[in-house]
ModelCIF file with pLDDT and N, C-alpha, C, O atoms, coordinates in Angstrom:
data_MODEL
#
_entry.id   MODEL 
#
_entity.id                         1 
_entity.type                       polymer 
_entity.pdbx_number_of_molecules   1 
#
_entity_poly.entity_id                      1 
_entity_poly.type                           'polypeptide(L)' 
_entity_poly.nstd_linkage                   no 
_entity_poly.nstd_monomer                   no 
_entity_poly.pdbx_seq_one_letter_code       
;(UNK)(UNK)(UNK)(UNK)(UNK)(UNK)(UNK)(UNK)(UNK)(UNK)(UNK)(UNK)(UNK)(UNK)(UNK)(UNK)
(UNK)(UNK)(UNK)(UNK)(UNK)(UNK)(UNK)(UNK)(UNK)(UNK)(UNK)(UNK)(UNK)(UNK)(UNK)(UNK)
(UNK)(UNK)(UNK)(UNK)(UNK)
;
_entity_poly.pdbx_seq_one_letter_code_can   XXXXXXXXXXXXXXXXXXXXXXXXXXXXXXXXXXXXX 
_entity_poly.pdbx_strand_id                 A 
#
loop_
_entity_poly_seq.entity_id 
_entity_poly_seq.num 
_entity_poly_seq.mon_id 
_entity_poly_seq.hetero 
1 1  UNK n 
1 2  UNK n 
1 3  UNK n 
1 4  UNK n 
1 5  UNK n 
1 6  UNK n 
1 7  UNK n 
1 8  UNK n 
1 9  UNK n 
1 10 UNK n 
1 11 UNK n 
1 12 UNK n 
1 13 UNK n 
1 14 UNK n 
1 15 UNK n 
1 16 UNK n 
1 17 UNK n 
1 18 UNK n 
1 19 UNK n 
1 20 UNK n 
1 21 UNK n 
1 22 UNK n 
1 23 UNK n 
1 24 UNK n 
1 25 UNK n 
1 26 UNK n 
1 27 UNK n 
1 28 UNK n 
1 29 UNK n 
1 30 UNK n 
1 31 UNK n 
1 32 UNK n 
1 33 UNK n 
1 34 UNK n 
1 35 UNK n 
1 36 UNK n 
1 37 UNK n 
#
_struct_asym.id          A 
_struct_asym.entity_id   1 
#
loop_
_ma_qa_metric.id 
_ma_qa_metric.mode 
_ma_qa_metric.name 
_ma_qa_metric.software_group_id 
_ma_qa_metric.type 
1 global pLDDT . pLDDT 
2 local  pLDDT . pLDDT 
#
_ma_qa_metric_global.metric_id      1 
_ma_qa_metric_global.metric_value   77.00 
_ma_qa_metric_global.model_id       1 
_ma_qa_metric_global.ordinal_id     1 
#
loop_
_ma_qa_metric_local.label_asym_id 
_ma_qa_metric_local.label_comp_id 
_ma_qa_metric_local.label_seq_id 
_ma_qa_metric_local.metric_id 
_ma_qa_metric_local.metric_value 
_ma_qa_metric_local.model_id 
_ma_qa_metric_local.ordinal_id 
A UNK 1  2 83.00 1 1  
A UNK 2  2 82.00 1 2  
A UNK 3  2 80.00 1 3  
A UNK 4  2 81.00 1 4  
A UNK 5  2 81.00 1 5  
A UNK 6  2 79.00 1 6  
A UNK 7  2 77.00 1 7  
A UNK 8  2 79.00 1 8  
A UNK 9  2 78.00 1 9  
A UNK 10 2 74.00 1 10 
A UNK 11 2 74.00 1 11 
A UNK 12 2 76.00 1 12 
A UNK 13 2 74.00 1 13 
A UNK 14 2 73.00 1 14 
A UNK 15 2 71.00 1 15 
A UNK 16 2 74.00 1 16 
A UNK 17 2 75.00 1 17 
A UNK 18 2 74.00 1 18 
A UNK 19 2 75.00 1 19 
A UNK 20 2 80.00 1 20 
A UNK 21 2 75.00 1 21 
A UNK 22 2 76.00 1 22 
A UNK 23 2 79.00 1 23 
A UNK 24 2 76.00 1 24 
A UNK 25 2 78.00 1 25 
A UNK 26 2 81.00 1 26 
A UNK 27 2 78.00 1 27 
A UNK 28 2 80.00 1 28 
A UNK 29 2 78.00 1 29 
A UNK 30 2 80.00 1 30 
A UNK 31 2 74.00 1 31 
A UNK 32 2 75.00 1 32 
A UNK 33 2 76.00 1 33 
A UNK 34 2 77.00 1 34 
A UNK 35 2 72.00 1 35 
A UNK 36 2 75.00 1 36 
A UNK 37 2 79.00 1 37 
#
loop_
_atom_site.group_PDB 
_atom_site.id 
_atom_site.type_symbol 
_atom_site.label_atom_id 
_atom_site.label_alt_id 
_atom_site.label_comp_id 
_atom_site.label_asym_id 
_atom_site.label_entity_id 
_atom_site.label_seq_id 
_atom_site.pdbx_PDB_ins_code 
_atom_site.Cartn_x 
_atom_site.Cartn_y 
_atom_site.Cartn_z 
_atom_site.occupancy 
_atom_site.B_iso_or_equiv 
_atom_site.pdbx_formal_charge 
_atom_site.auth_seq_id 
_atom_site.auth_comp_id 
_atom_site.auth_asym_id 
_atom_site.auth_atom_id 
_atom_site.pdbx_PDB_model_num 
ATOM 1   N N  . UNK A 1 1  ? -20.307 -30.770 98.399  1.00 83.00 ? 1  UNK A N  1 
ATOM 2   C CA . UNK A 1 1  ? -19.360 -29.925 99.129  1.00 83.00 ? 1  UNK A CA 1 
ATOM 3   C C  . UNK A 1 1  ? -18.999 -30.540 100.470 1.00 83.00 ? 1  UNK A C  1 
ATOM 4   O O  . UNK A 1 1  ? -17.847 -30.473 100.900 1.00 83.00 ? 1  UNK A O  1 
ATOM 5   N N  . UNK A 1 2  ? -19.992 -31.146 101.138 1.00 82.00 ? 2  UNK A N  1 
ATOM 6   C CA . UNK A 1 2  ? -19.708 -31.811 102.411 1.00 82.00 ? 2  UNK A CA 1 
ATOM 7   C C  . UNK A 1 2  ? -18.759 -32.989 102.205 1.00 82.00 ? 2  UNK A C  1 
ATOM 8   O O  . UNK A 1 2  ? -17.862 -33.212 103.019 1.00 82.00 ? 2  UNK A O  1 
ATOM 9   N N  . UNK A 1 3  ? -18.950 -33.742 101.124 1.00 80.00 ? 3  UNK A N  1 
ATOM 10  C CA . UNK A 1 3  ? -18.044 -34.849 100.817 1.00 80.00 ? 3  UNK A CA 1 
ATOM 11  C C  . UNK A 1 3  ? -16.620 -34.348 100.563 1.00 80.00 ? 3  UNK A C  1 
ATOM 12  O O  . UNK A 1 3  ? -15.648 -34.951 101.017 1.00 80.00 ? 3  UNK A O  1 
ATOM 13  N N  . UNK A 1 4  ? -16.513 -33.237 99.831  1.00 81.00 ? 4  UNK A N  1 
ATOM 14  C CA . UNK A 1 4  ? -15.186 -32.665 99.570  1.00 81.00 ? 4  UNK A CA 1 
ATOM 15  C C  . UNK A 1 4  ? -14.529 -32.222 100.867 1.00 81.00 ? 4  UNK A C  1 
ATOM 16  O O  . UNK A 1 4  ? -13.341 -32.460 101.083 1.00 81.00 ? 4  UNK A O  1 
ATOM 17  N N  . UNK A 1 5  ? -15.315 -31.570 101.739 1.00 81.00 ? 5  UNK A N  1 
ATOM 18  C CA . UNK A 1 5  ? -14.755 -31.120 103.022 1.00 81.00 ? 5  UNK A CA 1 
ATOM 19  C C  . UNK A 1 5  ? -14.310 -32.305 103.869 1.00 81.00 ? 5  UNK A C  1 
ATOM 20  O O  . UNK A 1 5  ? -13.266 -32.256 104.519 1.00 81.00 ? 5  UNK A O  1 
ATOM 21  N N  . UNK A 1 6  ? -15.107 -33.366 103.857 1.00 79.00 ? 6  UNK A N  1 
ATOM 22  C CA . UNK A 1 6  ? -14.735 -34.550 104.638 1.00 79.00 ? 6  UNK A CA 1 
ATOM 23  C C  . UNK A 1 6  ? -13.469 -35.192 104.080 1.00 79.00 ? 6  UNK A C  1 
ATOM 24  O O  . UNK A 1 6  ? -12.598 -35.623 104.835 1.00 79.00 ? 6  UNK A O  1 
ATOM 25  N N  . UNK A 1 7  ? -13.372 -35.254 102.748 1.00 77.00 ? 7  UNK A N  1 
ATOM 26  C CA . UNK A 1 7  ? -12.172 -35.847 102.145 1.00 77.00 ? 7  UNK A CA 1 
ATOM 27  C C  . UNK A 1 7  ? -10.933 -35.023 102.464 1.00 77.00 ? 7  UNK A C  1 
ATOM 28  O O  . UNK A 1 7  ? -9.874  -35.579 102.754 1.00 77.00 ? 7  UNK A O  1 
ATOM 29  N N  . UNK A 1 8  ? -11.061 -33.682 102.410 1.00 79.00 ? 8  UNK A N  1 
ATOM 30  C CA . UNK A 1 8  ? -9.907  -32.835 102.749 1.00 79.00 ? 8  UNK A CA 1 
ATOM 31  C C  . UNK A 1 8  ? -9.527  -32.971 104.209 1.00 79.00 ? 8  UNK A C  1 
ATOM 32  O O  . UNK A 1 8  ? -8.345  -32.989 104.552 1.00 79.00 ? 8  UNK A O  1 
ATOM 33  N N  . UNK A 1 9  ? -10.553 -33.069 105.089 1.00 78.00 ? 9  UNK A N  1 
ATOM 34  C CA . UNK A 1 9  ? -10.273 -33.238 106.515 1.00 78.00 ? 9  UNK A CA 1 
ATOM 35  C C  . UNK A 1 9  ? -9.537  -34.546 106.783 1.00 78.00 ? 9  UNK A C  1 
ATOM 36  O O  . UNK A 1 9  ? -8.563  -34.574 107.535 1.00 78.00 ? 9  UNK A O  1 
ATOM 37  N N  . UNK A 1 10 ? -10.008 -35.630 106.162 1.00 74.00 ? 10 UNK A N  1 
ATOM 38  C CA . UNK A 1 10 ? -9.355  -36.921 106.378 1.00 74.00 ? 10 UNK A CA 1 
ATOM 39  C C  . UNK A 1 10 ? -7.919  -36.923 105.860 1.00 74.00 ? 10 UNK A C  1 
ATOM 40  O O  . UNK A 1 10 ? -7.022  -37.486 106.488 1.00 74.00 ? 10 UNK A O  1 
ATOM 41  N N  . UNK A 1 11 ? -7.712  -36.279 104.694 1.00 74.00 ? 11 UNK A N  1 
ATOM 42  C CA . UNK A 1 11 ? -6.355  -36.228 104.145 1.00 74.00 ? 11 UNK A CA 1 
ATOM 43  C C  . UNK A 1 11 ? -5.437  -35.414 105.048 1.00 74.00 ? 11 UNK A C  1 
ATOM 44  O O  . UNK A 1 11 ? -4.294  -35.807 105.281 1.00 74.00 ? 11 UNK A O  1 
ATOM 45  N N  . UNK A 1 12 ? -5.925  -34.276 105.563 1.00 76.00 ? 12 UNK A N  1 
ATOM 46  C CA . UNK A 1 12 ? -5.113  -33.437 106.453 1.00 76.00 ? 12 UNK A CA 1 
ATOM 47  C C  . UNK A 1 12 ? -4.826  -34.152 107.764 1.00 76.00 ? 12 UNK A C  1 
ATOM 48  O O  . UNK A 1 12 ? -3.699  -34.146 108.259 1.00 76.00 ? 12 UNK A O  1 
ATOM 49  N N  . UNK A 1 13 ? -5.878  -34.774 108.321 1.00 74.00 ? 13 UNK A N  1 
ATOM 50  C CA . UNK A 1 13 ? -5.691  -35.485 109.585 1.00 74.00 ? 13 UNK A CA 1 
ATOM 51  C C  . UNK A 1 13 ? -4.695  -36.624 109.425 1.00 74.00 ? 13 UNK A C  1 
ATOM 52  O O  . UNK A 1 13 ? -3.843  -36.825 110.291 1.00 74.00 ? 13 UNK A O  1 
ATOM 53  N N  . UNK A 1 14 ? -4.788  -37.362 108.344 1.00 73.00 ? 14 UNK A N  1 
ATOM 54  C CA . UNK A 1 14 ? -3.868  -38.474 108.116 1.00 73.00 ? 14 UNK A CA 1 
ATOM 55  C C  . UNK A 1 14 ? -2.428  -37.986 108.032 1.00 73.00 ? 14 UNK A C  1 
ATOM 56  O O  . UNK A 1 14 ? -1.514  -38.593 108.592 1.00 73.00 ? 14 UNK A O  1 
ATOM 57  N N  . UNK A 1 15 ? -2.244  -36.867 107.313 1.00 71.00 ? 15 UNK A N  1 
ATOM 58  C CA . UNK A 1 15 ? -0.881  -36.334 107.161 1.00 71.00 ? 15 UNK A CA 1 
ATOM 59  C C  . UNK A 1 15 ? -0.346  -35.792 108.479 1.00 71.00 ? 15 UNK A C  1 
ATOM 60  O O  . UNK A 1 15 ? 0.801   -36.055 108.840 1.00 71.00 ? 15 UNK A O  1 
ATOM 61  N N  . UNK A 1 16 ? -1.175  -35.032 109.202 1.00 74.00 ? 16 UNK A N  1 
ATOM 62  C CA . UNK A 1 16 ? -0.710  -34.397 110.437 1.00 74.00 ? 16 UNK A CA 1 
ATOM 63  C C  . UNK A 1 16 ? -0.450  -35.409 111.549 1.00 74.00 ? 16 UNK A C  1 
ATOM 64  O O  . UNK A 1 16 ? 0.449   -35.212 112.365 1.00 74.00 ? 16 UNK A O  1 
ATOM 65  N N  . UNK A 1 17 ? -1.222  -36.479 111.587 1.00 75.00 ? 17 UNK A N  1 
ATOM 66  C CA . UNK A 1 17 ? -1.021  -37.490 112.635 1.00 75.00 ? 17 UNK A CA 1 
ATOM 67  C C  . UNK A 1 17 ? 0.130   -38.432 112.299 1.00 75.00 ? 17 UNK A C  1 
ATOM 68  O O  . UNK A 1 17 ? 0.778   -38.973 113.196 1.00 75.00 ? 17 UNK A O  1 
ATOM 69  N N  . UNK A 1 18 ? 0.382   -38.626 111.012 1.00 74.00 ? 18 UNK A N  1 
ATOM 70  C CA . UNK A 1 18 ? 1.417   -39.580 110.618 1.00 74.00 ? 18 UNK A CA 1 
ATOM 71  C C  . UNK A 1 18 ? 2.812   -39.112 111.066 1.00 74.00 ? 18 UNK A C  1 
ATOM 72  O O  . UNK A 1 18 ? 3.637   -39.932 111.468 1.00 74.00 ? 18 UNK A O  1 
ATOM 73  N N  . UNK A 1 19 ? 3.073   -37.816 111.001 1.00 75.00 ? 19 UNK A N  1 
ATOM 74  C CA . UNK A 1 19 ? 4.420   -37.316 111.339 1.00 75.00 ? 19 UNK A CA 1 
ATOM 75  C C  . UNK A 1 19 ? 4.776   -37.568 112.807 1.00 75.00 ? 19 UNK A C  1 
ATOM 76  O O  . UNK A 1 19 ? 5.822   -38.161 113.070 1.00 75.00 ? 19 UNK A O  1 
ATOM 77  N N  . UNK A 1 20 ? 3.958   -37.145 113.773 1.00 80.00 ? 20 UNK A N  1 
ATOM 78  C CA . UNK A 1 20 ? 4.327   -37.451 115.176 1.00 80.00 ? 20 UNK A CA 1 
ATOM 79  C C  . UNK A 1 20 ? 4.269   -38.946 115.496 1.00 80.00 ? 20 UNK A C  1 
ATOM 80  O O  . UNK A 1 20 ? 5.025   -39.440 116.332 1.00 80.00 ? 20 UNK A O  1 
ATOM 81  N N  . UNK A 1 21 ? 3.366   -39.656 114.824 1.00 75.00 ? 21 UNK A N  1 
ATOM 82  C CA . UNK A 1 21 ? 3.282   -41.092 115.084 1.00 75.00 ? 21 UNK A CA 1 
ATOM 83  C C  . UNK A 1 21 ? 4.537   -41.810 114.622 1.00 75.00 ? 21 UNK A C  1 
ATOM 84  O O  . UNK A 1 21 ? 5.008   -42.727 115.296 1.00 75.00 ? 21 UNK A O  1 
ATOM 85  N N  . UNK A 1 22 ? 5.084   -41.411 113.490 1.00 76.00 ? 22 UNK A N  1 
ATOM 86  C CA . UNK A 1 22 ? 6.346   -42.007 113.043 1.00 76.00 ? 22 UNK A CA 1 
ATOM 87  C C  . UNK A 1 22 ? 7.467   -41.743 114.048 1.00 76.00 ? 22 UNK A C  1 
ATOM 88  O O  . UNK A 1 22 ? 8.333   -42.588 114.273 1.00 76.00 ? 22 UNK A O  1 
ATOM 89  N N  . UNK A 1 23 ? 7.428   -40.530 114.658 1.00 79.00 ? 23 UNK A N  1 
ATOM 90  C CA . UNK A 1 23 ? 8.420   -40.243 115.687 1.00 79.00 ? 23 UNK A CA 1 
ATOM 91  C C  . UNK A 1 23 ? 8.261   -41.147 116.893 1.00 79.00 ? 23 UNK A C  1 
ATOM 92  O O  . UNK A 1 23 ? 9.249   -41.637 117.439 1.00 79.00 ? 23 UNK A O  1 
ATOM 93  N N  . UNK A 1 24 ? 7.033   -41.370 117.310 1.00 76.00 ? 24 UNK A N  1 
ATOM 94  C CA . UNK A 1 24 ? 6.788   -42.257 118.453 1.00 76.00 ? 24 UNK A CA 1 
ATOM 95  C C  . UNK A 1 24 ? 7.266   -43.682 118.150 1.00 76.00 ? 24 UNK A C  1 
ATOM 96  O O  . UNK A 1 24 ? 7.911   -44.317 118.983 1.00 76.00 ? 24 UNK A O  1 
ATOM 97  N N  . UNK A 1 25 ? 6.945   -44.171 116.959 1.00 78.00 ? 25 UNK A N  1 
ATOM 98  C CA . UNK A 1 25 ? 7.362   -45.531 116.600 1.00 78.00 ? 25 UNK A CA 1 
ATOM 99  C C  . UNK A 1 25 ? 8.879   -45.636 116.503 1.00 78.00 ? 25 UNK A C  1 
ATOM 100 O O  . UNK A 1 25 ? 9.467   -46.641 116.902 1.00 78.00 ? 25 UNK A O  1 
ATOM 101 N N  . UNK A 1 26 ? 9.507   -44.588 115.967 1.00 81.00 ? 26 UNK A N  1 
ATOM 102 C CA . UNK A 1 26 ? 10.973  -44.610 115.894 1.00 81.00 ? 26 UNK A CA 1 
ATOM 103 C C  . UNK A 1 26 ? 11.604  -44.638 117.263 1.00 81.00 ? 26 UNK A C  1 
ATOM 104 O O  . UNK A 1 26 ? 12.584  -45.354 117.464 1.00 81.00 ? 26 UNK A O  1 
ATOM 105 N N  . UNK A 1 27 ? 11.076  -43.876 118.223 1.00 78.00 ? 27 UNK A N  1 
ATOM 106 C CA . UNK A 1 27 ? 11.622  -43.853 119.579 1.00 78.00 ? 27 UNK A CA 1 
ATOM 107 C C  . UNK A 1 27 ? 11.402  -45.179 120.290 1.00 78.00 ? 27 UNK A C  1 
ATOM 108 O O  . UNK A 1 27 ? 12.267  -45.619 121.048 1.00 78.00 ? 27 UNK A O  1 
ATOM 109 N N  . UNK A 1 28 ? 10.254  -45.829 120.059 1.00 80.00 ? 28 UNK A N  1 
ATOM 110 C CA . UNK A 1 28 ? 10.034  -47.130 120.699 1.00 80.00 ? 28 UNK A CA 1 
ATOM 111 C C  . UNK A 1 28 ? 11.028  -48.168 120.180 1.00 80.00 ? 28 UNK A C  1 
ATOM 112 O O  . UNK A 1 28 ? 11.515  -49.004 120.941 1.00 80.00 ? 28 UNK A O  1 
ATOM 113 N N  . UNK A 1 29 ? 11.323  -48.110 118.888 1.00 78.00 ? 29 UNK A N  1 
ATOM 114 C CA . UNK A 1 29 ? 12.330  -49.034 118.347 1.00 78.00 ? 29 UNK A CA 1 
ATOM 115 C C  . UNK A 1 29 ? 13.702  -48.759 118.947 1.00 78.00 ? 29 UNK A C  1 
ATOM 116 O O  . UNK A 1 29 ? 14.467  -49.683 119.224 1.00 78.00 ? 29 UNK A O  1 
ATOM 117 N N  . UNK A 1 30 ? 14.008  -47.473 119.145 1.00 80.00 ? 30 UNK A N  1 
ATOM 118 C CA . UNK A 1 30 ? 15.297  -47.125 119.758 1.00 80.00 ? 30 UNK A CA 1 
ATOM 119 C C  . UNK A 1 30 ? 15.350  -47.591 121.205 1.00 80.00 ? 30 UNK A C  1 
ATOM 120 O O  . UNK A 1 30 ? 16.383  -48.074 121.669 1.00 80.00 ? 30 UNK A O  1 
ATOM 121 N N  . UNK A 1 31 ? 14.231  -47.447 121.923 1.00 74.00 ? 31 UNK A N  1 
ATOM 122 C CA . UNK A 1 31 ? 14.189  -47.878 123.310 1.00 74.00 ? 31 UNK A CA 1 
ATOM 123 C C  . UNK A 1 31 ? 14.416  -49.384 123.449 1.00 74.00 ? 31 UNK A C  1 
ATOM 124 O O  . UNK A 1 31 ? 15.029  -49.843 124.413 1.00 74.00 ? 31 UNK A O  1 
ATOM 125 N N  . UNK A 1 32 ? 13.916  -50.139 122.481 1.00 75.00 ? 32 UNK A N  1 
ATOM 126 C CA . UNK A 1 32 ? 14.063  -51.591 122.559 1.00 75.00 ? 32 UNK A CA 1 
ATOM 127 C C  . UNK A 1 32 ? 15.523  -52.036 122.459 1.00 75.00 ? 32 UNK A C  1 
ATOM 128 O O  . UNK A 1 32 ? 15.860  -53.142 122.881 1.00 75.00 ? 32 UNK A O  1 
ATOM 129 N N  . UNK A 1 33 ? 16.393  -51.181 121.903 1.00 76.00 ? 33 UNK A N  1 
ATOM 130 C CA . UNK A 1 33 ? 17.821  -51.544 121.788 1.00 76.00 ? 33 UNK A CA 1 
ATOM 131 C C  . UNK A 1 33 ? 18.615  -51.185 123.041 1.00 76.00 ? 33 UNK A C  1 
ATOM 132 O O  . UNK A 1 33 ? 19.787  -51.543 123.162 1.00 76.00 ? 33 UNK A O  1 
ATOM 133 N N  . UNK A 1 34 ? 17.973  -50.475 123.977 1.00 77.00 ? 34 UNK A N  1 
ATOM 134 C CA . UNK A 1 34 ? 18.654  -50.130 125.229 1.00 77.00 ? 34 UNK A CA 1 
ATOM 135 C C  . UNK A 1 34 ? 18.441  -51.235 126.261 1.00 77.00 ? 34 UNK A C  1 
ATOM 136 O O  . UNK A 1 34 ? 17.655  -52.156 126.043 1.00 77.00 ? 34 UNK A O  1 
ATOM 137 N N  . UNK A 1 35 ? 19.135  -51.136 127.363 1.00 72.00 ? 35 UNK A N  1 
ATOM 138 C CA . UNK A 1 35 ? 19.007  -52.170 128.402 1.00 72.00 ? 35 UNK A CA 1 
ATOM 139 C C  . UNK A 1 35 ? 17.749  -51.992 129.216 1.00 72.00 ? 35 UNK A C  1 
ATOM 140 O O  . UNK A 1 35 ? 17.754  -51.236 130.187 1.00 72.00 ? 35 UNK A O  1 
ATOM 141 N N  . UNK A 1 36 ? 16.669  -52.662 128.854 1.00 75.00 ? 36 UNK A N  1 
ATOM 142 C CA . UNK A 1 36 ? 15.392  -52.580 129.560 1.00 75.00 ? 36 UNK A CA 1 
ATOM 143 C C  . UNK A 1 36 ? 15.093  -53.896 130.251 1.00 75.00 ? 36 UNK A C  1 
ATOM 144 O O  . UNK A 1 36 ? 15.447  -54.968 129.762 1.00 75.00 ? 36 UNK A O  1 
ATOM 145 N N  . UNK A 1 37 ? 14.437  -53.796 131.395 1.00 79.00 ? 37 UNK A N  1 
ATOM 146 C CA . UNK A 1 37 ? 14.013  -55.037 132.042 1.00 79.00 ? 37 UNK A CA 1 
ATOM 147 C C  . UNK A 1 37 ? 12.799  -55.604 131.332 1.00 79.00 ? 37 UNK A C  1 
ATOM 148 O O  . UNK A 1 37 ? 12.287  -56.652 131.726 1.00 79.00 ? 37 UNK A O  1 
#
């Protein structure tokens, strides 16, 4: 049961963190196309 709980936690954490992280990576790519020093 502990293994199942850990697997569910890792799957949830991976999914929940991936969405905002993709947003951060997308914004950094957009920033690189602007005029930056």
